[in-house]
Amino acid sequence: MSLQNQFEQAVADSKNLPERPDNMTLLKLYGLYKQASAGDADGERPGFTDMIGRAKYDAWDALKGVSQEDAMQQYVDLIADLKG
């Protein structure tokens, strides 16, 4: 199975985890997903009134320079860990 297929399966699996991950793990998943699917963060960082948007942007921006393939693999591995 290709990495792209593994990634797509992990994205599907993320919706059926045995328990909801904590917020830090959710942010990591979000950042890895965005890095894997869109590459380095772009656009404006949301303003201070949008705390959730800011946290999500920062989680993505923290992965700047990580290749899309590496981000996919990290996402796949993290979902595998969360599935138990």
N, C-alpha and C. Protein backbone atom coordinates (compact mmCIF):
# COMPACT_ATOMS: atom_id res chain seq x y z
N MET A 1 0.85 -1.18 0.00
CA MET A 1 0.00 0.00 0.00
C MET A 1 0.90 1.25 0.00
N SER A 2 0.59 2.18 -0.87
CA SER A 2 1.40 3.39 -0.97
C SER A 2 1.20 4.27 0.27
N LEU A 3 2.15 5.16 0.49
CA LEU A 3 2.05 6.09 1.62
C LEU A 3 0.80 6.95 1.49
N GLN A 4 0.48 7.37 0.27
CA GLN A 4 -0.73 8.18 0.06
C GLN A 4 -1.97 7.39 0.49
N ASN A 5 -2.04 6.11 0.13
CA ASN A 5 -3.18 5.28 0.53
C ASN A 5 -3.22 5.07 2.03
N GLN A 6 -2.05 4.86 2.65
CA GLN A 6 -1.99 4.71 4.10
C GLN A 6 -2.48 5.99 4.79
N PHE A 7 -2.05 7.14 4.24
CA PHE A 7 -2.46 8.43 4.78
C PHE A 7 -3.98 8.60 4.69
N GLU A 8 -4.55 8.29 3.52
CA GLU A 8 -6.00 8.42 3.33
C GLU A 8 -6.75 7.50 4.28
N GLN A 9 -6.21 6.29 4.51
CA GLN A 9 -6.84 5.35 5.44
C GLN A 9 -6.75 5.89 6.88
N ALA A 10 -5.60 6.48 7.21
CA ALA A 10 -5.42 7.04 8.56
C ALA A 10 -6.38 8.20 8.79
N VAL A 11 -6.60 9.02 7.77
CA VAL A 11 -7.55 10.13 7.88
C VAL A 11 -8.95 9.57 8.15
N ALA A 12 -9.32 8.51 7.43
CA ALA A 12 -10.63 7.87 7.66
C ALA A 12 -10.68 7.28 9.07
N ASP A 13 -9.60 6.62 9.48
CA ASP A 13 -9.55 6.01 10.81
C ASP A 13 -9.63 7.06 11.92
N SER A 14 -9.13 8.27 11.65
CA SER A 14 -9.12 9.32 12.68
C SER A 14 -10.53 9.67 13.14
N LYS A 15 -11.51 9.39 12.30
CA LYS A 15 -12.90 9.71 12.64
C LYS A 15 -13.54 8.62 13.51
N ASN A 16 -12.84 7.49 13.68
CA ASN A 16 -13.40 6.36 14.42
C ASN A 16 -12.47 5.87 15.51
N LEU A 17 -11.77 6.78 16.16
CA LEU A 17 -10.85 6.38 17.23
C LEU A 17 -11.65 5.93 18.45
N PRO A 18 -11.08 5.01 19.25
CA PRO A 18 -11.81 4.52 20.43
C PRO A 18 -12.13 5.63 21.43
N GLU A 19 -11.27 6.63 21.54
CA GLU A 19 -11.59 7.78 22.40
C GLU A 19 -11.03 9.04 21.77
N ARG A 20 -11.65 10.17 22.11
CA ARG A 20 -11.23 11.46 21.54
C ARG A 20 -9.87 11.85 22.11
N PRO A 21 -8.90 12.15 21.23
CA PRO A 21 -7.59 12.58 21.72
C PRO A 21 -7.68 13.92 22.47
N ASP A 22 -6.67 14.18 23.31
CA ASP A 22 -6.63 15.47 24.00
C ASP A 22 -6.34 16.58 23.00
N ASN A 23 -6.53 17.82 23.44
CA ASN A 23 -6.40 18.96 22.53
C ASN A 23 -5.01 19.08 21.91
N MET A 24 -3.96 18.78 22.67
CA MET A 24 -2.60 18.88 22.10
C MET A 24 -2.41 17.86 20.98
N THR A 25 -2.95 16.66 21.17
CA THR A 25 -2.85 15.63 20.13
C THR A 25 -3.68 16.02 18.92
N LEU A 26 -4.86 16.58 19.16
CA LEU A 26 -5.69 17.03 18.04
C LEU A 26 -4.98 18.11 17.24
N LEU A 27 -4.31 19.03 17.93
CA LEU A 27 -3.56 20.08 17.22
C LEU A 27 -2.41 19.47 16.41
N LYS A 28 -1.74 18.48 16.97
CA LYS A 28 -0.65 17.82 16.25
C LYS A 28 -1.19 17.13 15.00
N LEU A 29 -2.31 16.44 15.15
CA LEU A 29 -2.94 15.79 13.99
C LEU A 29 -3.31 16.82 12.92
N TYR A 30 -3.89 17.94 13.36
CA TYR A 30 -4.28 18.99 12.43
C TYR A 30 -3.05 19.50 11.67
N GLY A 31 -1.99 19.82 12.42
CA GLY A 31 -0.78 20.34 11.79
C GLY A 31 -0.17 19.36 10.81
N LEU A 32 -0.10 18.09 11.20
CA LEU A 32 0.44 17.07 10.30
C LEU A 32 -0.42 16.91 9.06
N TYR A 33 -1.75 16.93 9.24
CA TYR A 33 -2.66 16.81 8.11
C TYR A 33 -2.45 17.96 7.12
N LYS A 34 -2.41 19.18 7.67
CA LYS A 34 -2.23 20.35 6.79
C LYS A 34 -0.88 20.32 6.09
N GLN A 35 0.19 19.94 6.82
CA GLN A 35 1.52 19.89 6.23
C GLN A 35 1.56 18.82 5.14
N ALA A 36 0.93 17.67 5.41
CA ALA A 36 0.92 16.57 4.44
C ALA A 36 0.12 16.91 3.20
N SER A 37 -0.98 17.64 3.38
CA SER A 37 -1.86 17.89 2.25
C SER A 37 -1.60 19.21 1.53
N ALA A 38 -1.03 20.20 2.24
CA ALA A 38 -0.86 21.52 1.63
C ALA A 38 0.57 22.05 1.67
N GLY A 39 1.47 21.37 2.39
CA GLY A 39 2.84 21.88 2.50
C GLY A 39 2.93 22.94 3.60
N ASP A 40 3.98 23.75 3.53
CA ASP A 40 4.23 24.75 4.57
C ASP A 40 3.06 25.71 4.73
N ALA A 41 2.88 26.15 5.98
CA ALA A 41 1.80 27.09 6.31
C ALA A 41 1.93 28.35 5.48
N ASP A 42 0.79 28.86 5.05
CA ASP A 42 0.78 30.12 4.32
C ASP A 42 -0.41 30.94 4.80
N GLY A 43 -0.48 32.16 4.32
CA GLY A 43 -1.57 33.03 4.73
C GLY A 43 -1.26 33.73 6.04
N GLU A 44 -2.20 34.51 6.47
CA GLU A 44 -2.05 35.30 7.69
C GLU A 44 -2.37 34.46 8.92
N ARG A 45 -1.62 34.68 9.99
CA ARG A 45 -1.93 34.06 11.28
C ARG A 45 -3.18 34.74 11.82
N PRO A 46 -4.19 33.96 12.25
CA PRO A 46 -5.41 34.59 12.77
C PRO A 46 -5.12 35.52 13.93
N GLY A 47 -5.97 36.50 14.11
CA GLY A 47 -5.81 37.48 15.18
C GLY A 47 -6.03 36.88 16.55
N PHE A 48 -5.68 37.64 17.58
CA PHE A 48 -5.74 37.13 18.95
C PHE A 48 -7.16 36.82 19.42
N THR A 49 -8.16 37.32 18.74
CA THR A 49 -9.54 37.01 19.13
C THR A 49 -9.97 35.62 18.66
N ASP A 50 -9.22 35.05 17.74
CA ASP A 50 -9.52 33.70 17.23
C ASP A 50 -8.51 32.72 17.82
N MET A 51 -8.72 32.35 19.08
CA MET A 51 -7.75 31.50 19.79
C MET A 51 -7.60 30.13 19.13
N ILE A 52 -8.71 29.52 18.73
CA ILE A 52 -8.65 28.19 18.12
C ILE A 52 -7.94 28.26 16.77
N GLY A 53 -8.31 29.22 15.96
CA GLY A 53 -7.66 29.39 14.66
C GLY A 53 -6.17 29.64 14.80
N ARG A 54 -5.81 30.43 15.79
CA ARG A 54 -4.40 30.72 16.06
C ARG A 54 -3.63 29.47 16.47
N ALA A 55 -4.21 28.68 17.36
CA ALA A 55 -3.56 27.45 17.82
C ALA A 55 -3.39 26.47 16.66
N LYS A 56 -4.40 26.37 15.81
CA LYS A 56 -4.32 25.47 14.65
C LYS A 56 -3.23 25.95 13.69
N TYR A 57 -3.22 27.26 13.42
CA TYR A 57 -2.20 27.81 12.52
C TYR A 57 -0.80 27.56 13.09
N ASP A 58 -0.63 27.79 14.39
CA ASP A 58 0.68 27.60 15.02
C ASP A 58 1.13 26.14 14.96
N ALA A 59 0.19 25.20 15.13
CA ALA A 59 0.52 23.78 15.06
C ALA A 59 1.00 23.43 13.65
N TRP A 60 0.38 24.02 12.64
CA TRP A 60 0.78 23.78 11.26
C TRP A 60 2.11 24.46 10.98
N ASP A 61 2.24 25.73 11.40
CA ASP A 61 3.45 26.51 11.14
C ASP A 61 4.68 25.88 11.80
N ALA A 62 4.49 25.19 12.93
CA ALA A 62 5.61 24.55 13.63
C ALA A 62 6.24 23.44 12.80
N LEU A 63 5.54 22.97 11.78
CA LEU A 63 6.05 21.88 10.93
C LEU A 63 6.71 22.39 9.65
N LYS A 64 6.90 23.70 9.56
CA LYS A 64 7.51 24.30 8.36
C LYS A 64 8.81 23.58 8.03
N GLY A 65 8.97 23.19 6.77
CA GLY A 65 10.18 22.52 6.33
C GLY A 65 10.09 21.00 6.35
N VAL A 66 9.08 20.45 7.03
CA VAL A 66 8.89 19.00 7.03
C VAL A 66 8.29 18.62 5.68
N SER A 67 8.85 17.61 5.03
CA SER A 67 8.31 17.23 3.72
C SER A 67 6.90 16.68 3.87
N GLN A 68 6.14 16.76 2.79
CA GLN A 68 4.77 16.25 2.83
C GLN A 68 4.78 14.75 3.11
N GLU A 69 5.77 14.02 2.58
CA GLU A 69 5.86 12.58 2.81
C GLU A 69 6.14 12.29 4.29
N ASP A 70 7.07 13.04 4.89
CA ASP A 70 7.35 12.84 6.32
C ASP A 70 6.12 13.15 7.17
N ALA A 71 5.40 14.21 6.83
CA ALA A 71 4.20 14.57 7.58
C ALA A 71 3.14 13.47 7.45
N MET A 72 3.00 12.92 6.25
CA MET A 72 2.06 11.81 6.05
C MET A 72 2.43 10.63 6.93
N GLN A 73 3.72 10.27 6.94
CA GLN A 73 4.16 9.13 7.72
C GLN A 73 3.94 9.36 9.22
N GLN A 74 4.24 10.56 9.70
CA GLN A 74 4.03 10.88 11.11
C GLN A 74 2.54 10.82 11.46
N TYR A 75 1.69 11.27 10.55
CA TYR A 75 0.25 11.22 10.76
C TYR A 75 -0.21 9.78 10.86
N VAL A 76 0.22 8.95 9.91
CA VAL A 76 -0.13 7.52 9.88
C VAL A 76 0.30 6.86 11.19
N ASP A 77 1.55 7.14 11.62
CA ASP A 77 2.07 6.53 12.84
C ASP A 77 1.29 6.98 14.07
N LEU A 78 0.95 8.27 14.14
CA LEU A 78 0.22 8.78 15.30
C LEU A 78 -1.18 8.16 15.37
N ILE A 79 -1.87 8.06 14.25
CA ILE A 79 -3.20 7.43 14.23
C ILE A 79 -3.09 5.97 14.65
N ALA A 80 -2.06 5.27 14.18
CA ALA A 80 -1.86 3.87 14.57
C ALA A 80 -1.69 3.75 16.09
N ASP A 81 -0.93 4.67 16.67
CA ASP A 81 -0.74 4.67 18.13
C ASP A 81 -2.06 4.92 18.86
N LEU A 82 -2.85 5.86 18.34
CA LEU A 82 -4.13 6.22 18.98
C LEU A 82 -5.16 5.10 18.86
N LYS A 83 -5.05 4.31 17.79
CA LYS A 83 -5.99 3.19 17.61
C LYS A 83 -5.71 2.08 18.61
N GLY A 84 -4.46 2.05 19.12
CA GLY A 84 -4.10 1.09 20.14
C GLY A 84 -3.67 -0.19 19.62
